[in-house]
């Protein structure tokens, strides 16, 4: 089944055996300072670091927010997410 959502960005595929992590953040109480200050880029960087740290715990080296050449693009651009070399291991979006 295809489910369309209004989150921006490119298409995302969630397939069999893929681990999907959806943080749910309450905007009522306990809002992370980055969100409260409307610093969504800072919040994304914190999510990336959390994923990088979690992967490191199981022996996987990765890095967040890197410069990547996307499929179909002529030039490299900053890319949100977590990468192992040029392979994305974690995408991050917000809605």
N, C-alpha and C. Protein backbone atom coordinates (compact mmCIF):
# COMPACT_ATOMS: atom_id res chain seq x y z
N UNK A 1 0.84 -1.19 0.00
CA UNK A 1 0.00 0.00 0.00
C UNK A 1 0.87 1.24 0.00
N UNK A 2 0.39 2.30 -0.61
CA UNK A 2 1.06 3.59 -0.60
C UNK A 2 0.26 4.53 0.28
N UNK A 3 0.95 5.20 1.19
CA UNK A 3 0.31 6.16 2.07
C UNK A 3 0.97 7.51 1.83
N UNK A 4 0.20 8.50 1.40
CA UNK A 4 0.75 9.83 1.16
C UNK A 4 0.60 10.69 2.39
N UNK A 5 1.67 11.39 2.74
CA UNK A 5 1.66 12.32 3.86
C UNK A 5 2.30 13.62 3.40
N UNK A 6 1.99 14.70 4.04
CA UNK A 6 2.53 16.00 3.70
C UNK A 6 3.71 16.32 4.62
N UNK A 7 4.87 15.73 4.32
CA UNK A 7 6.05 15.95 5.14
C UNK A 7 7.17 16.63 4.38
N UNK A 8 6.99 16.84 3.09
CA UNK A 8 8.05 17.44 2.29
C UNK A 8 9.11 16.41 1.94
N UNK A 9 10.11 16.83 1.22
CA UNK A 9 11.20 15.94 0.86
C UNK A 9 10.83 14.98 -0.26
N UNK A 10 11.65 13.99 -0.43
CA UNK A 10 11.47 13.01 -1.49
C UNK A 10 10.66 11.82 -0.99
N UNK A 11 10.38 10.90 -1.88
CA UNK A 11 9.64 9.69 -1.51
C UNK A 11 10.48 8.85 -0.55
N UNK A 12 9.83 8.19 0.37
CA UNK A 12 10.50 7.31 1.32
C UNK A 12 9.86 5.94 1.24
N UNK A 13 10.69 4.91 1.14
CA UNK A 13 10.21 3.54 1.09
C UNK A 13 10.56 2.84 2.39
N UNK A 14 9.57 2.22 3.04
CA UNK A 14 9.81 1.40 4.22
C UNK A 14 9.52 -0.04 3.83
N UNK A 15 10.57 -0.85 3.74
CA UNK A 15 10.42 -2.22 3.26
C UNK A 15 10.61 -3.25 4.35
N UNK A 16 10.43 -4.51 3.99
CA UNK A 16 10.60 -5.61 4.95
C UNK A 16 11.98 -5.58 5.59
N UNK A 17 12.05 -5.83 6.86
CA UNK A 17 13.24 -5.90 7.71
C UNK A 17 13.93 -4.55 7.92
N UNK A 18 13.35 -3.48 7.41
CA UNK A 18 13.92 -2.15 7.64
C UNK A 18 13.46 -1.67 9.02
N UNK A 19 14.37 -1.08 9.75
CA UNK A 19 14.03 -0.53 11.06
C UNK A 19 13.61 0.92 10.85
N UNK A 20 12.44 1.27 11.33
CA UNK A 20 11.91 2.61 11.18
C UNK A 20 11.71 3.20 12.57
N UNK A 21 12.22 4.40 12.77
CA UNK A 21 12.15 5.08 14.06
C UNK A 21 11.40 6.39 13.88
N UNK A 22 10.30 6.54 14.58
CA UNK A 22 9.52 7.77 14.52
C UNK A 22 9.48 8.40 15.91
N UNK A 23 10.30 9.42 16.16
CA UNK A 23 10.19 10.08 17.47
C UNK A 23 8.92 10.94 17.50
N UNK A 24 8.18 10.82 18.56
CA UNK A 24 6.99 11.65 18.75
C UNK A 24 7.33 12.67 19.82
N UNK A 25 7.25 13.93 19.48
CA UNK A 25 7.65 15.00 20.39
C UNK A 25 6.42 15.81 20.76
N UNK A 26 6.15 15.86 22.04
CA UNK A 26 5.01 16.64 22.53
C UNK A 26 5.35 18.12 22.48
N UNK A 27 4.45 18.90 21.94
CA UNK A 27 4.68 20.34 21.95
C UNK A 27 3.96 20.99 23.13
N UNK A 28 3.32 20.18 23.97
CA UNK A 28 2.61 20.71 25.13
C UNK A 28 3.55 20.95 26.31
N UNK A 29 4.36 19.96 26.67
CA UNK A 29 5.31 20.11 27.76
C UNK A 29 6.61 19.41 27.44
N UNK A 30 7.66 19.85 28.07
CA UNK A 30 8.94 19.21 27.87
C UNK A 30 9.48 19.33 26.46
N UNK A 31 9.14 20.40 25.78
CA UNK A 31 9.60 20.59 24.41
C UNK A 31 11.10 20.83 24.40
N UNK A 32 11.85 20.07 23.58
CA UNK A 32 13.28 20.34 23.49
C UNK A 32 13.54 21.81 23.15
N UNK A 33 14.57 22.38 23.77
CA UNK A 33 14.87 23.80 23.57
C UNK A 33 15.01 24.16 22.09
N UNK A 34 15.61 23.28 21.30
CA UNK A 34 15.80 23.57 19.87
C UNK A 34 14.46 23.79 19.18
N UNK A 35 13.46 23.00 19.54
CA UNK A 35 12.14 23.17 18.92
C UNK A 35 11.48 24.43 19.46
N UNK A 36 11.58 24.63 20.77
CA UNK A 36 10.98 25.81 21.39
C UNK A 36 11.51 27.08 20.76
N UNK A 37 12.80 27.10 20.44
CA UNK A 37 13.43 28.26 19.81
C UNK A 37 13.23 28.27 18.29
N UNK A 38 12.45 27.32 17.78
CA UNK A 38 12.18 27.16 16.35
C UNK A 38 13.46 26.93 15.54
N UNK A 39 14.41 26.25 16.18
CA UNK A 39 15.65 25.89 15.51
C UNK A 39 15.53 24.45 15.02
N UNK A 40 14.76 24.24 13.96
CA UNK A 40 14.53 22.88 13.47
C UNK A 40 15.80 22.25 12.93
N UNK A 41 16.68 23.06 12.32
CA UNK A 41 17.94 22.51 11.83
C UNK A 41 18.77 21.99 13.00
N UNK A 42 18.78 22.74 14.10
CA UNK A 42 19.49 22.28 15.30
C UNK A 42 18.88 21.00 15.86
N UNK A 43 17.55 20.91 15.81
CA UNK A 43 16.86 19.70 16.28
C UNK A 43 17.22 18.51 15.38
N UNK A 44 17.27 18.74 14.06
CA UNK A 44 17.68 17.66 13.15
C UNK A 44 19.10 17.21 13.47
N UNK A 45 20.01 18.15 13.73
CA UNK A 45 21.39 17.79 14.05
C UNK A 45 21.42 16.94 15.32
N UNK A 46 20.58 17.26 16.32
CA UNK A 46 20.53 16.47 17.55
C UNK A 46 20.01 15.06 17.26
N UNK A 47 18.98 14.95 16.41
CA UNK A 47 18.48 13.63 16.03
C UNK A 47 19.57 12.82 15.32
N UNK A 48 20.30 13.48 14.41
CA UNK A 48 21.38 12.81 13.70
C UNK A 48 22.43 12.29 14.69
N UNK A 49 22.83 13.13 15.64
CA UNK A 49 23.84 12.72 16.62
C UNK A 49 23.34 11.57 17.47
N UNK A 50 22.06 11.57 17.81
CA UNK A 50 21.49 10.46 18.59
C UNK A 50 21.57 9.16 17.80
N UNK A 51 21.27 9.23 16.50
CA UNK A 51 21.35 8.03 15.66
C UNK A 51 22.80 7.58 15.51
N UNK A 52 23.72 8.53 15.27
CA UNK A 52 25.14 8.20 15.15
C UNK A 52 25.63 7.53 16.43
N UNK A 53 25.28 8.08 17.59
CA UNK A 53 25.69 7.50 18.88
C UNK A 53 25.09 6.10 19.07
N UNK A 54 23.82 5.93 18.69
CA UNK A 54 23.17 4.62 18.82
C UNK A 54 23.83 3.58 17.93
N UNK A 55 24.16 3.97 16.70
CA UNK A 55 24.85 3.04 15.80
C UNK A 55 26.24 2.69 16.33
N UNK A 56 26.93 3.68 16.90
CA UNK A 56 28.27 3.43 17.45
C UNK A 56 28.21 2.39 18.57
N UNK A 57 27.13 2.40 19.34
CA UNK A 57 26.95 1.42 20.43
C UNK A 57 26.96 -0.01 19.91
N UNK A 58 26.54 -0.22 18.66
CA UNK A 58 26.54 -1.58 18.10
C UNK A 58 27.67 -1.75 17.06
N UNK A 59 28.65 -0.84 17.13
CA UNK A 59 29.86 -1.00 16.32
C UNK A 59 29.78 -0.49 14.89
N UNK A 60 28.82 0.37 14.60
CA UNK A 60 28.69 0.91 13.24
C UNK A 60 29.11 2.38 13.26
N UNK A 61 30.15 2.72 12.48
CA UNK A 61 30.61 4.10 12.37
C UNK A 61 29.80 4.82 11.30
N UNK A 62 29.33 5.99 11.62
CA UNK A 62 28.52 6.77 10.68
C UNK A 62 28.71 8.25 10.97
N UNK A 63 28.12 9.06 10.12
CA UNK A 63 28.15 10.50 10.39
C UNK A 63 26.86 11.12 9.89
N UNK A 64 26.46 12.18 10.57
CA UNK A 64 25.24 12.87 10.20
C UNK A 64 25.52 14.14 9.44
N UNK A 65 24.52 14.62 8.71
CA UNK A 65 24.55 15.89 7.98
C UNK A 65 25.82 16.05 7.18
N UNK A 66 25.93 15.29 6.13
CA UNK A 66 27.14 15.32 5.31
C UNK A 66 26.84 15.97 3.96
N UNK A 67 27.88 16.17 3.20
CA UNK A 67 27.74 16.66 1.83
C UNK A 67 27.69 15.44 0.93
N UNK A 68 26.62 15.30 0.17
CA UNK A 68 26.42 14.12 -0.66
C UNK A 68 25.97 14.54 -2.06
N UNK A 69 26.24 13.68 -3.01
CA UNK A 69 25.72 13.87 -4.37
C UNK A 69 24.50 12.96 -4.50
N UNK A 70 23.33 13.55 -4.59
CA UNK A 70 22.09 12.79 -4.69
C UNK A 70 21.91 12.25 -6.11
N UNK A 71 21.18 11.15 -6.22
CA UNK A 71 20.89 10.56 -7.52
C UNK A 71 20.16 11.60 -8.37
N UNK A 72 20.64 11.81 -9.60
CA UNK A 72 20.01 12.75 -10.51
C UNK A 72 20.44 14.20 -10.33
N UNK A 73 21.27 14.47 -9.34
CA UNK A 73 21.75 15.82 -9.09
C UNK A 73 23.14 16.00 -9.70
N UNK A 74 23.43 17.20 -10.18
CA UNK A 74 24.72 17.47 -10.80
C UNK A 74 25.81 17.78 -9.77
N UNK A 75 25.42 18.41 -8.66
CA UNK A 75 26.40 18.85 -7.67
C UNK A 75 26.09 18.27 -6.30
N UNK A 76 27.13 18.24 -5.46
CA UNK A 76 26.96 17.81 -4.08
C UNK A 76 26.22 18.89 -3.29
N UNK A 77 25.45 18.46 -2.31
CA UNK A 77 24.72 19.38 -1.44
C UNK A 77 24.74 18.84 -0.02
N UNK A 78 24.51 19.72 0.95
CA UNK A 78 24.36 19.26 2.32
C UNK A 78 23.12 18.38 2.38
N UNK A 79 23.23 17.27 3.11
CA UNK A 79 22.12 16.32 3.17
C UNK A 79 21.80 15.97 4.61
N UNK A 80 20.55 16.13 4.99
CA UNK A 80 20.10 15.73 6.32
C UNK A 80 19.97 14.22 6.35
N UNK A 81 20.37 13.61 7.45
CA UNK A 81 20.29 12.17 7.62
C UNK A 81 21.60 11.65 8.18
N UNK A 82 21.71 10.33 8.24
CA UNK A 82 22.92 9.69 8.75
C UNK A 82 23.44 8.77 7.65
N UNK A 83 24.76 8.81 7.47
CA UNK A 83 25.41 8.15 6.34
C UNK A 83 26.57 7.28 6.81
N UNK A 84 26.78 6.19 6.08
CA UNK A 84 27.99 5.38 6.20
C UNK A 84 28.67 5.55 4.85
N UNK A 85 29.69 6.39 4.82
CA UNK A 85 30.31 6.75 3.55
C UNK A 85 29.28 7.48 2.70
N UNK A 86 28.99 6.94 1.51
CA UNK A 86 28.01 7.59 0.64
C UNK A 86 26.65 6.89 0.69
N UNK A 87 26.48 5.96 1.64
CA UNK A 87 25.21 5.25 1.74
C UNK A 87 24.41 5.74 2.94
N UNK A 88 23.18 6.13 2.68
CA UNK A 88 22.33 6.62 3.76
C UNK A 88 21.79 5.45 4.57
N UNK A 89 21.96 5.54 5.89
CA UNK A 89 21.43 4.51 6.77
C UNK A 89 20.19 5.03 7.52
N UNK A 90 20.05 6.35 7.61
CA UNK A 90 18.90 6.91 8.32
C UNK A 90 18.46 8.21 7.66
N UNK A 91 17.19 8.28 7.32
CA UNK A 91 16.59 9.51 6.80
C UNK A 91 15.85 10.20 7.94
N UNK A 92 15.79 11.51 7.88
CA UNK A 92 15.09 12.27 8.91
C UNK A 92 14.14 13.25 8.22
N UNK A 93 12.90 13.24 8.64
CA UNK A 93 11.90 14.17 8.14
C UNK A 93 11.03 14.65 9.28
N UNK A 94 10.24 15.64 9.02
CA UNK A 94 9.39 16.17 10.08
C UNK A 94 8.04 16.57 9.47
N UNK A 95 7.00 16.38 10.22
CA UNK A 95 5.66 16.78 9.79
C UNK A 95 4.91 17.37 10.97
